[in-house]
Amino acid sequence: MLWLTVFGSPPCFGAAYAFREHPVVMAILIAVGVAPIVVACVGFAYFALTKPEALQSEDYQLRHEALQMIQQQTGHGVIDPASVTAIANPTAVALQTGEKEGK
């Protein structure tokens, strides 16, 4: 919906300006240009109130699920810090292993 807002609304507003001498056409173009903006805002508000996890990035969701799986497997036991670090910050772990291999 955001892509439609970004690429659909400005041409509608430009066309409305071009047809400013025709009030009916201008009103229709403005309504069509405003519609994606309103729908995107309403959709964001809906998900923010009902399903905030749907607004999180896929990467964050995958890492969160991995941490939950580790916690379920170990229960209240000891969790390997290396696995938690690898999940929480995979870029740092990749850089560390890359530095060790490069030497």
C-alpha atoms as a PDB file:
ATOM      1  CA  MET A   1       0.000   0.000   0.000  1.00  0.00           C
ATOM      2  CA  LEU A   2       2.893   2.333   0.675  1.00  0.00           C
ATOM      3  CA  TRP A   3       4.218   1.817  -2.851  1.00  0.00           C
ATOM      4  CA  LEU A   4       0.815   2.734  -4.258  1.00  0.00           C
ATOM      5  CA  THR A   5       0.821   5.820  -2.058  1.00  0.00           C
ATOM      6  CA  VAL A   6       4.301   6.860  -3.167  1.00  0.00           C
ATOM      7  CA  PHE A   7       3.837   6.276  -6.881  1.00  0.00           C
ATOM      8  CA  GLY A   8       0.076   6.765  -7.258  1.00  0.00           C
ATOM      9  CA  SER A   9      -0.772   9.872  -5.306  1.00  0.00           C
ATOM     10  CA  PRO A  10       1.688  12.415  -6.796  1.00  0.00           C
ATOM     11  CA  PRO A  11       0.581  11.818 -10.416  1.00  0.00           C
ATOM     12  CA  CYS A  12      -3.043  12.171  -9.318  1.00  0.00           C
ATOM     13  CA  PHE A  13      -2.287  15.443  -7.597  1.00  0.00           C
ATOM     14  CA  GLY A  14      -0.317  16.659 -10.634  1.00  0.00           C
ATOM     15  CA  ALA A  15      -3.159  15.725 -12.943  1.00  0.00           C
ATOM     16  CA  ALA A  16      -5.626  17.460 -10.611  1.00  0.00           C
ATOM     17  CA  TYR A  17      -3.530  20.609 -10.897  1.00  0.00           C
ATOM     18  CA  ALA A  18      -3.495  20.252 -14.682  1.00  0.00           C
ATOM     19  CA  PHE A  19      -7.295  19.904 -14.728  1.00  0.00           C
ATOM     20  CA  ARG A  20      -7.912  22.702 -12.206  1.00  0.00           C
ATOM     21  CA  GLU A  21     -10.317  24.362 -14.675  1.00  0.00           C
ATOM     22  CA  HIS A  22     -12.584  21.284 -14.550  1.00  0.00           C
ATOM     23  CA  PRO A  23     -13.804  21.042 -10.946  1.00  0.00           C
ATOM     24  CA  VAL A  24     -15.419  17.608 -11.248  1.00  0.00           C
ATOM     25  CA  VAL A  25     -12.342  15.970 -12.795  1.00  0.00           C
ATOM     26  CA  MET A  26     -10.088  17.746 -10.305  1.00  0.00           C
ATOM     27  CA  ALA A  27     -12.185  16.524  -7.343  1.00  0.00           C
ATOM     28  CA  ILE A  28     -12.109  12.936  -8.635  1.00  0.00           C
ATOM     29  CA  LEU A  29      -8.329  13.028  -9.119  1.00  0.00           C
ATOM     30  CA  ILE A  30      -7.789  14.476  -5.654  1.00  0.00           C
ATOM     31  CA  ALA A  31     -10.040  11.794  -4.127  1.00  0.00           C
ATOM     32  CA  VAL A  32      -8.162   9.056  -5.991  1.00  0.00           C
ATOM     33  CA  GLY A  33      -4.841  10.545  -4.831  1.00  0.00           C
ATOM     34  CA  VAL A  34      -5.919  10.825  -1.197  1.00  0.00           C
ATOM     35  CA  ALA A  35      -7.472   7.321  -1.020  1.00  0.00           C
ATOM     36  CA  PRO A  36      -4.172   5.343  -0.829  1.00  0.00           C
ATOM     37  CA  ILE A  37      -2.853   7.711   1.845  1.00  0.00           C
ATOM     38  CA  VAL A  38      -5.964   7.241   3.974  1.00  0.00           C
ATOM     39  CA  VAL A  39      -5.997   3.461   3.466  1.00  0.00           C
ATOM     40  CA  ALA A  40      -2.307   3.175   4.416  1.00  0.00           C
ATOM     41  CA  CYS A  41      -2.836   5.259   7.576  1.00  0.00           C
ATOM     42  CA  VAL A  42      -5.936   3.295   8.595  1.00  0.00           C
ATOM     43  CA  GLY A  43      -4.164  -0.010   7.911  1.00  0.00           C
ATOM     44  CA  PHE A  44      -1.161   1.030   9.975  1.00  0.00           C
ATOM     45  CA  ALA A  45      -3.392   2.147  12.862  1.00  0.00           C
ATOM     46  CA  TYR A  46      -5.375  -1.114  12.684  1.00  0.00           C
ATOM     47  CA  PHE A  47      -2.256  -3.285  12.862  1.00  0.00           C
ATOM     48  CA  ALA A  48      -0.673  -1.061  15.528  1.00  0.00           C
ATOM     49  CA  LEU A  49      -3.700  -1.620  17.759  1.00  0.00           C
ATOM     50  CA  THR A  50      -4.564  -5.253  16.968  1.00  0.00           C
ATOM     51  CA  LYS A  51      -1.393  -7.005  15.731  1.00  0.00           C
ATOM     52  CA  PRO A  52       1.720  -4.940  16.447  1.00  0.00           C
ATOM     53  CA  GLU A  53       3.951  -7.950  15.682  1.00  0.00           C
ATOM     54  CA  ALA A  54       2.792  -7.731  12.056  1.00  0.00           C
ATOM     55  CA  LEU A  55       4.551  -4.362  11.787  1.00  0.00           C
ATOM     56  CA  GLN A  56       7.919  -5.769  12.873  1.00  0.00           C
ATOM     57  CA  SER A  57      10.531  -6.754  10.334  1.00  0.00           C
ATOM     58  CA  GLU A  58      10.823 -10.352   9.229  1.00  0.00           C
ATOM     59  CA  ASP A  59      14.407 -10.456  10.483  1.00  0.00           C
ATOM     60  CA  TYR A  60      13.318  -9.395  13.974  1.00  0.00           C
ATOM     61  CA  GLN A  61      10.514 -11.981  14.010  1.00  0.00           C
ATOM     62  CA  LEU A  62      12.880 -14.778  12.982  1.00  0.00           C
ATOM     63  CA  ARG A  63      15.411 -13.867  15.663  1.00  0.00           C
ATOM     64  CA  HIS A  64      12.671 -13.598  18.292  1.00  0.00           C
ATOM     65  CA  GLU A  65      11.336 -17.050  17.377  1.00  0.00           C
ATOM     66  CA  ALA A  66      14.843 -18.528  17.498  1.00  0.00           C
ATOM     67  CA  LEU A  67      15.411 -17.119  20.975  1.00  0.00           C
ATOM     68  CA  GLN A  68      12.056 -18.512  22.110  1.00  0.00           C
ATOM     69  CA  MET A  69      12.959 -21.950  20.736  1.00  0.00           C
ATOM     70  CA  ILE A  70      16.288 -21.897  22.601  1.00  0.00           C
ATOM     71  CA  GLN A  71      14.492 -20.913  25.785  1.00  0.00           C
ATOM     72  CA  GLN A  72      11.947 -23.732  25.368  1.00  0.00           C
ATOM     73  CA  GLN A  73      14.666 -26.321  24.690  1.00  0.00           C
ATOM     74  CA  THR A  74      16.789 -25.347  27.652  1.00  0.00           C
ATOM     75  CA  GLY A  75      13.931 -24.528  30.004  1.00  0.00           C
ATOM     76  CA  HIS A  76      15.434 -22.665  32.940  1.00  0.00           C
ATOM     77  CA  GLY A  77      18.858 -24.189  32.373  1.00  0.00           C
ATOM     78  CA  VAL A  78      21.992 -22.550  31.082  1.00  0.00           C
ATOM     79  CA  ILE A  79      21.846 -21.031  27.599  1.00  0.00           C
ATOM     80  CA  ASP A  80      24.996 -20.990  25.485  1.00  0.00           C
ATOM     81  CA  PRO A  81      25.975 -17.297  25.197  1.00  0.00           C
ATOM     82  CA  ALA A  82      27.478 -17.846  21.744  1.00  0.00           C
ATOM     83  CA  SER A  83      24.146 -18.988  20.303  1.00  0.00           C
ATOM     84  CA  VAL A  84      22.316 -16.023  21.808  1.00  0.00           C
ATOM     85  CA  THR A  85      24.956 -13.629  20.460  1.00  0.00           C
ATOM     86  CA  ALA A  86      24.734 -15.242  17.032  1.00  0.00           C
ATOM     87  CA  ILE A  87      20.979 -14.758  16.969  1.00  0.00           C
ATOM     88  CA  ALA A  88      20.892 -11.292  18.497  1.00  0.00           C
ATOM     89  CA  ASN A  89      23.660  -9.849  16.324  1.00  0.00           C
ATOM     90  CA  PRO A  90      24.465 -12.104  13.335  1.00  0.00           C
ATOM     91  CA  THR A  91      26.531  -9.406  11.628  1.00  0.00           C
ATOM     92  CA  ALA A  92      29.021  -9.204  14.487  1.00  0.00           C
ATOM     93  CA  VAL A  93      29.419 -12.985  14.555  1.00  0.00           C
ATOM     94  CA  ALA A  94      29.942 -13.079  10.787  1.00  0.00           C
ATOM     95  CA  LEU A  95      32.578 -10.358  11.061  1.00  0.00           C
ATOM     96  CA  GLN A  96      34.387 -12.185  13.873  1.00  0.00           C
ATOM     97  CA  THR A  97      34.473 -15.490  11.988  1.00  0.00           C
ATOM     98  CA  GLY A  98      35.534 -13.694   8.814  1.00  0.00           C
ATOM     99  CA  GLU A  99      38.429 -12.049  10.653  1.00  0.00           C
ATOM    100  CA  LYS A 100      39.575 -15.363  12.081  1.00  0.00           C
ATOM    101  CA  GLU A 101      39.445 -17.073   8.673  1.00  0.00           C
ATOM    102  CA  GLY A 102      41.236 -14.185   6.975  1.00  0.00           C
ATOM    103  CA  LYS A 103      44.287 -14.374   9.263  1.00  0.00           C
END
